[in-house]
Protein backbone atom coordinates (compact mmCIF):
# COMPACT_ATOMS: atom_id res chain seq x y z
CA MET A 1 16.45 -12.96 -14.12
CA ALA A 2 13.81 -10.35 -15.54
CA GLY A 3 13.19 -7.19 -13.76
CA LYS A 4 9.84 -6.85 -12.12
CA MET A 5 7.37 -3.90 -11.56
CA ILE A 6 5.20 -4.24 -8.49
CA ILE A 7 2.39 -1.77 -7.87
CA SER A 8 0.74 -1.70 -4.39
CA LEU A 9 -2.08 0.48 -3.02
CA ASP A 10 -2.84 1.25 0.59
CA PHE A 11 -6.57 0.95 0.50
CA GLU A 12 -7.71 2.64 3.81
CA LEU A 13 -10.21 5.32 2.92
CA PHE A 14 -10.32 7.70 5.94
CA TRP A 15 -8.94 5.14 8.54
CA GLY A 16 -5.50 6.11 8.12
CA LEU A 17 -6.10 9.77 8.59
CA LEU A 18 -8.14 9.84 11.70
CA GLU A 19 -5.61 11.54 14.00
CA GLU A 20 -4.29 13.94 11.18
CA MET A 21 -7.36 15.83 10.03
CA LYS A 22 -11.12 16.32 10.22
CA LEU A 23 -13.17 14.29 7.73
CA GLU A 24 -14.89 17.40 6.31
CA ASP A 25 -11.46 18.76 5.33
CA TYR A 26 -10.58 15.65 3.27
CA GLN A 27 -13.64 13.71 2.44
CA ASP A 28 -13.59 15.15 -1.20
CA HIS A 29 -10.37 13.25 -1.61
CA VAL A 30 -11.51 10.07 0.01
CA LEU A 31 -14.83 10.02 -2.09
CA GLY A 32 -13.01 11.16 -5.17
CA GLY A 33 -10.55 8.16 -4.61
CA LYS A 34 -13.36 5.73 -4.38
CA ALA A 35 -14.88 7.22 -7.70
CA ALA A 36 -11.46 7.00 -9.43
CA ILE A 37 -10.96 3.31 -8.59
CA PRO A 38 -13.13 1.92 -11.54
CA ARG A 39 -11.13 4.25 -13.99
CA LEU A 40 -7.79 3.09 -12.50
CA LEU A 41 -8.86 -0.59 -12.94
CA ASN A 42 -9.68 0.13 -16.54
CA LEU A 43 -6.20 1.50 -17.03
CA PHE A 44 -4.66 -1.46 -15.27
CA GLU A 45 -6.57 -3.81 -17.64
CA LYS A 46 -5.60 -1.71 -20.70
CA TYR A 47 -1.90 -2.12 -19.90
CA ASP A 48 -2.13 -5.53 -18.35
CA ILE A 49 -0.95 -3.98 -14.89
CA HIS A 50 -0.97 -6.32 -12.05
CA ALA A 51 -1.34 -4.80 -8.48
CA THR A 52 -1.93 -5.52 -4.91
CA TRP A 53 -4.62 -3.62 -3.19
CA ALA A 54 -3.97 -3.85 0.71
CA ALA A 55 -7.26 -3.30 2.27
CA VAL A 56 -7.90 -2.29 5.99
CA GLY A 57 -10.11 -5.15 7.50
CA PHE A 58 -12.72 -2.58 8.47
CA LEU A 59 -13.49 -1.98 4.68
CA PHE A 60 -14.76 -5.56 4.20
CA ALA A 61 -17.74 -5.27 6.33
CA GLU A 62 -21.25 -4.63 5.19
CA ASN A 63 -22.18 -2.75 8.35
CA PHE A 64 -20.96 -2.15 11.94
CA GLU A 65 -22.82 -4.93 13.42
CA GLU A 66 -21.01 -7.37 11.09
CA LEU A 67 -17.66 -5.73 11.65
CA LYS A 68 -18.13 -5.71 15.49
CA SER A 69 -18.31 -9.63 15.40
CA TYR A 70 -14.61 -9.65 14.23
CA PHE A 71 -13.21 -7.33 16.73
CA PRO A 72 -10.26 -9.10 18.56
CA GLU A 73 -10.33 -9.24 22.25
CA ALA A 74 -6.77 -7.87 22.39
CA LYS A 75 -7.25 -4.41 20.86
CA PRO A 76 -4.28 -2.09 20.63
CA THR A 77 -3.42 -0.21 23.74
CA TYR A 78 -1.91 2.97 22.37
CA THR A 79 -0.50 5.34 24.79
CA LYS A 80 -1.41 8.34 22.80
CA ALA A 81 -4.99 9.42 22.78
CA GLY A 82 -6.88 9.66 19.42
CA VAL A 83 -4.78 6.96 17.75
CA SER A 84 -7.03 3.96 18.10
CA PRO A 85 -9.79 3.73 15.50
CA TYR A 86 -11.96 1.74 17.77
CA ASP A 87 -12.64 5.10 19.63
CA TYR A 88 -14.31 6.62 16.50
CA PHE A 89 -17.20 4.23 15.82
CA GLN A 90 -19.52 6.14 17.98
CA ASN A 91 -19.04 9.23 15.56
CA ILE A 92 -19.52 7.49 12.17
CA GLY A 93 -22.47 5.85 10.38
CA ALA A 94 -23.31 2.15 10.50
CA ASP A 95 -22.78 1.27 6.96
CA GLU A 96 -21.34 2.35 3.61
CA ALA A 97 -24.49 4.31 2.60
CA SER A 98 -24.20 6.49 5.98
CA ALA A 99 -20.37 6.36 6.21
CA PRO A 100 -18.96 6.04 2.68
CA CYS A 101 -15.44 7.05 3.72
CA PHE A 102 -15.31 4.12 6.09
CA TYR A 103 -16.62 1.02 4.24
CA ALA A 104 -16.06 -0.34 0.87
CA PRO A 105 -17.27 -4.04 0.42
CA GLY A 106 -18.52 -3.42 -3.09
CA LEU A 107 -15.23 -1.95 -4.31
CA ILE A 108 -13.10 -4.61 -2.89
CA ARG A 109 -15.18 -7.19 -4.91
CA LEU A 110 -14.96 -5.07 -8.07
CA VAL A 111 -11.14 -5.01 -7.55
CA SER A 112 -10.98 -8.76 -6.98
CA GLN A 113 -12.95 -9.46 -10.23
CA THR A 114 -10.36 -7.40 -12.31
CA PRO A 115 -7.58 -9.49 -13.97
CA GLY A 116 -4.14 -9.41 -12.31
CA GLN A 117 -5.51 -7.60 -9.18
CA GLU A 118 -4.78 -9.16 -5.68
CA ILE A 119 -6.66 -8.27 -2.48
CA GLY A 120 -4.11 -7.96 0.48
CA SER A 121 -4.18 -6.57 3.82
CA HIS A 122 -3.41 -3.19 5.47
CA THR A 123 -3.97 -4.86 8.79
CA PHE A 124 -7.52 -5.15 10.31
CA SER A 125 -7.62 -1.69 12.13
CA HIS A 126 -4.75 0.25 10.42
CA TYR A 127 -2.40 -0.95 13.03
CA TYR A 128 0.67 1.01 14.02
CA CYS A 129 3.60 -1.23 15.02
CA ARG A 130 5.85 1.37 16.41
CA GLU A 131 3.22 3.15 18.36
CA LYS A 132 3.84 3.22 22.22
CA GLY A 133 1.55 1.14 24.37
CA GLN A 134 0.68 -1.55 21.88
CA THR A 135 2.26 -5.20 21.95
CA VAL A 136 3.17 -8.01 19.68
CA GLU A 137 0.42 -10.16 20.94
CA GLN A 138 -2.18 -7.34 20.07
CA PHE A 139 -0.73 -7.15 16.60
CA ALA A 140 -1.05 -10.81 16.18
CA ALA A 141 -4.73 -10.53 17.26
CA ASP A 142 -5.17 -7.72 14.63
CA LEU A 143 -3.64 -9.79 11.90
CA ALA A 144 -5.75 -12.76 12.66
CA ALA A 145 -8.94 -10.64 12.58
CA ALA A 146 -7.88 -9.20 9.09
CA ARG A 147 -7.31 -12.77 7.83
CA LYS A 148 -10.62 -13.92 9.18
CA ILE A 149 -12.89 -11.36 7.81
CA ALA A 150 -11.20 -11.50 4.45
CA ALA A 151 -11.51 -15.23 4.31
CA ASP A 152 -15.22 -15.12 5.35
CA LYS A 153 -15.65 -12.83 2.31
CA GLY A 154 -13.85 -15.24 -0.09
CA TYR A 155 -10.22 -13.76 -0.12
CA ASP A 156 -7.11 -15.45 0.83
CA VAL A 157 -4.96 -12.55 1.88
CA THR A 158 -1.21 -13.39 1.70
CA SER A 159 0.40 -9.96 1.13
CA LEU A 160 0.64 -7.46 3.85
CA ILE A 161 1.35 -3.60 3.75
CA LEU A 162 1.76 -2.09 7.24
CA PRO A 163 0.49 1.36 7.95
CA ARG A 164 3.19 3.93 7.56
CA ASN A 165 5.47 0.95 6.52
CA GLN A 166 6.18 0.59 10.21
CA CYS A 167 7.82 -2.77 11.00
CA GLU A 168 10.13 -4.31 13.50
CA PRO A 169 11.87 -7.68 13.44
CA GLU A 170 9.79 -9.34 16.11
CA TYR A 171 6.62 -8.33 14.22
CA THR A 172 7.99 -9.81 11.09
CA LYS A 173 7.90 -13.29 12.69
CA VAL A 174 4.14 -12.88 13.21
CA PHE A 175 3.66 -12.55 9.50
CA ARG A 176 4.48 -16.12 8.48
CA GLU A 177 2.63 -17.52 11.55
CA GLN A 178 -0.43 -15.71 10.23
CA GLY A 179 -0.08 -17.15 6.73
CA PHE A 180 1.52 -14.10 4.89
CA THR A 181 4.13 -14.74 2.25
CA ALA A 182 4.96 -11.08 1.29
CA TYR A 183 5.14 -7.57 2.71
CA ARG A 184 6.33 -4.11 1.81
CA ASP A 185 9.00 -2.43 3.94
CA GLU A 186 9.95 1.16 3.95
CA GLU A 187 12.57 2.54 1.68
CA ASP A 188 16.10 1.19 2.48
CA ASP A 189 17.87 4.47 2.15
CA TRP A 190 20.14 6.83 4.17
CA ILE A 191 17.16 9.24 4.85
CA HIS A 192 15.07 6.63 6.62
CA ASP A 193 18.24 5.20 8.35
CA ARG A 194 19.70 8.13 9.69
CA ILE A 195 17.52 11.15 9.86
CA ARG A 196 15.47 11.43 13.21
CA PHE A 197 14.52 15.12 13.10
CA PHE A 198 11.05 14.79 11.57
CA PRO A 199 10.90 18.24 9.70
CA LEU A 200 14.18 17.66 8.03
CA LEU A 201 13.08 13.98 7.27
CA ARG A 202 9.93 15.32 5.48
CA LEU A 203 12.03 17.86 3.59
CA LEU A 204 14.66 15.37 2.37
CA ARG A 205 11.81 12.85 1.37
CA LEU A 206 9.95 15.55 -0.54
CA LEU A 207 13.24 16.52 -2.41
CA ASP A 208 13.98 12.80 -3.15
CA VAL A 209 10.67 12.74 -5.20
CA TYR A 210 12.31 15.01 -7.81
CA LEU A 211 16.12 14.47 -7.25
CA PRO A 212 18.03 11.24 -6.79
CA LEU A 213 19.15 12.04 -3.26
CA THR A 214 18.92 8.39 -2.44
CA GLY A 215 19.95 6.78 -5.55
CA GLN A 216 17.54 4.76 -7.77
CA GLY A 217 15.43 3.03 -5.00
CA VAL A 218 15.63 -0.51 -6.33
CA TRP A 219 17.19 -3.18 -4.04
CA PRO A 220 17.71 -7.03 -4.10
CA THR A 221 14.52 -8.77 -2.68
CA ARG A 222 15.14 -10.64 0.56
CA LYS A 223 13.42 -13.16 2.50
CA GLU A 224 12.82 -12.61 6.24
CA TYR A 225 11.42 -15.26 8.62
CA GLY A 226 9.98 -16.96 5.43
CA VAL A 227 8.38 -13.95 4.14
CA TRP A 228 9.45 -11.98 1.12
CA ASN A 229 10.16 -8.37 1.69
CA PHE A 230 9.36 -6.27 -1.43
CA VAL A 231 10.91 -3.02 -0.19
CA GLY A 232 9.16 0.02 -1.68
CA SER A 233 10.91 2.02 -4.25
CA GLY A 234 8.99 5.17 -3.66
CA MET A 235 5.45 6.51 -3.52
CA PHE A 236 3.55 7.93 -6.47
CA LYS A 237 3.41 11.45 -4.82
CA PRO A 238 0.50 13.78 -5.10
CA ILE A 239 0.94 16.97 -7.13
CA ARG A 240 1.92 19.97 -5.14
CA PRO A 241 0.56 23.01 -6.75
CA ALA A 242 3.26 25.29 -5.66
CA LEU A 243 5.84 22.57 -7.07
CA ARG A 244 3.76 21.63 -10.36
CA PHE A 245 6.72 22.85 -12.41
CA LEU A 246 8.78 19.94 -10.98
CA GLU A 247 6.47 17.22 -12.13
CA GLY A 248 8.70 16.47 -15.14
CA LEU A 249 11.49 15.76 -12.70
CA LYS A 250 9.15 13.43 -10.72
CA MET A 251 8.17 11.44 -13.77
CA ARG A 252 11.81 11.20 -15.10
CA ARG A 253 12.90 10.02 -11.60
CA ILE A 254 10.29 7.26 -11.68
CA LYS A 255 11.22 6.08 -15.12
CA LYS A 256 15.02 6.04 -14.35
CA ARG A 257 14.19 3.77 -11.37
CA MET A 258 12.15 1.43 -13.52
CA LEU A 259 14.97 1.45 -16.11
CA VAL A 260 17.59 0.48 -13.51
CA ALA A 261 15.30 -2.44 -12.35
CA ALA A 262 14.67 -3.51 -15.81
CA LYS A 263 18.35 -3.58 -16.75
CA LYS A 264 19.61 -5.20 -13.52
CA GLY A 265 16.82 -7.73 -12.97
CA LEU A 266 15.69 -6.05 -9.73
CA VAL A 267 12.33 -4.88 -8.39
CA PHE A 268 10.79 -1.56 -8.89
CA HIS A 269 7.96 -0.98 -6.30
CA LEU A 270 5.57 1.90 -6.66
CA TRP A 271 2.81 2.57 -4.24
CA TRP A 272 0.08 5.15 -3.14
CA HIS A 273 -3.13 5.50 -1.70
CA PRO A 274 -6.45 5.76 -3.75
CA HIS A 275 -7.34 9.04 -1.93
CA ASN A 276 -4.07 10.57 -3.23
CA ILE A 277 -5.80 10.69 -6.84
CA GLY A 278 -9.04 11.69 -5.47
CA VAL A 279 -8.68 15.20 -6.67
CA MET A 280 -7.02 16.21 -10.09
CA THR A 281 -7.88 12.67 -11.10
CA ASP A 282 -7.39 13.24 -14.85
CA GLN A 283 -3.94 14.65 -14.28
CA TYR A 284 -2.93 11.60 -12.26
CA LEU A 285 -4.35 9.01 -14.64
CA ALA A 286 -2.45 10.73 -17.44
CA GLN A 287 0.81 10.40 -15.48
CA LEU A 288 0.13 6.63 -14.61
CA GLU A 289 -0.64 5.99 -18.16
CA GLU A 290 2.77 7.48 -19.08
CA ILE A 291 4.46 5.15 -16.53
CA PHE A 292 2.56 2.17 -17.92
CA ARG A 293 3.45 2.93 -21.43
CA TYR A 294 7.17 3.17 -20.45
CA TYR A 295 6.78 -0.22 -18.63
CA HIS A 296 5.68 -1.84 -21.90
CA GLU A 297 8.79 -0.27 -23.54
CA LEU A 298 10.90 -2.05 -20.89
CA LYS A 299 8.95 -5.22 -21.24
CA GLU A 300 9.74 -5.20 -24.97
CA ARG A 301 13.48 -4.22 -24.55
CA TYR A 302 14.42 -6.22 -21.34
CA GLY A 303 11.64 -8.58 -20.55
CA MET A 304 10.40 -6.63 -17.52
CA GLU A 305 7.34 -8.20 -15.73
CA SER A 306 4.24 -6.78 -14.04
CA LEU A 307 3.38 -8.64 -10.84
CA ASN A 308 1.27 -8.29 -7.91
CA MET A 309 2.97 -9.07 -4.52
CA ARG A 310 1.49 -12.63 -4.38
CA GLU A 311 2.77 -13.36 -7.92
CA ALA A 312 6.00 -11.82 -7.17
CA ALA A 313 6.51 -14.12 -4.11
CA MET A 314 5.70 -17.10 -6.00
CA ARG A 315 8.07 -16.08 -8.80
CA MET A 316 10.87 -15.59 -6.18
CA GLU A 317 10.25 -18.97 -4.86
CA GLN A 318 10.56 -20.32 -8.31
CA GLU A 319 13.83 -18.49 -8.99
CA ALA A 320 15.22 -19.46 -5.69
CA ALA A 321 14.47 -23.07 -6.35
CA ASN A 322 16.15 -23.01 -9.78
CA GLY A 323 19.28 -21.51 -8.23
């Protein structure tokens, strides 16, 4: 069985950052990320890289009036103030021209027209499954809205990436009911399993970008309630100016994980947000090109494949059927 490389992108623009920062402090990253997408797609085409673009449902709409018609009756009732994106619409523009950090129907079309690229879902409203106050029923309504707006635009979304990779077993059961066949779970390592003190968690996760604290980050793929779980191997982390001297270690760590997956017939799953490469774009694209060139070396030596999540789910079904 050949190793597989999966690339997935959390395509959310500013919807995933509402409670974390002010738009004026980060819009250069978001707009830069949008501008980088055509260049990234060209790089994917050059190296025949297949990827899943998990888009927040809000991004599909041409304007607020269209989007509002898809709002579910059962909206998330988060206990914490400032978490629900529905509370922010009065403060943003009505369409992409007036609110470019919140709508992206044209870019979704561009992505879908590029060979090997899959349009997936990042839920309808950037839904948080572990936030207090919300319910499984509200989550199901959110996914139904995500599927509906995508279908009406011509996209059959079957791959799901949950915001913050937050998932619970009872929520996984909803995936299959809503027609999803694949999702990305958080890293299956001791840092995520055991560390609950958030400052320490953040520090260890940062160190793991450069040093193999958690091993090689590739795991056997498993099926849960009829849905394939393609666990993330790690995020393609932004360059930290103060730690720029460690970028070589970051790249070496990524390549080592790829090599292990290729040799052992496992899945290497790299992910990021487009806004992560919205500044210093040239440097990030150079790093990604280095990764993609190395993928081709592994393809030649070990038969490694580049698959989006939909393709990977289909391949896993075939391999399971063949024993």
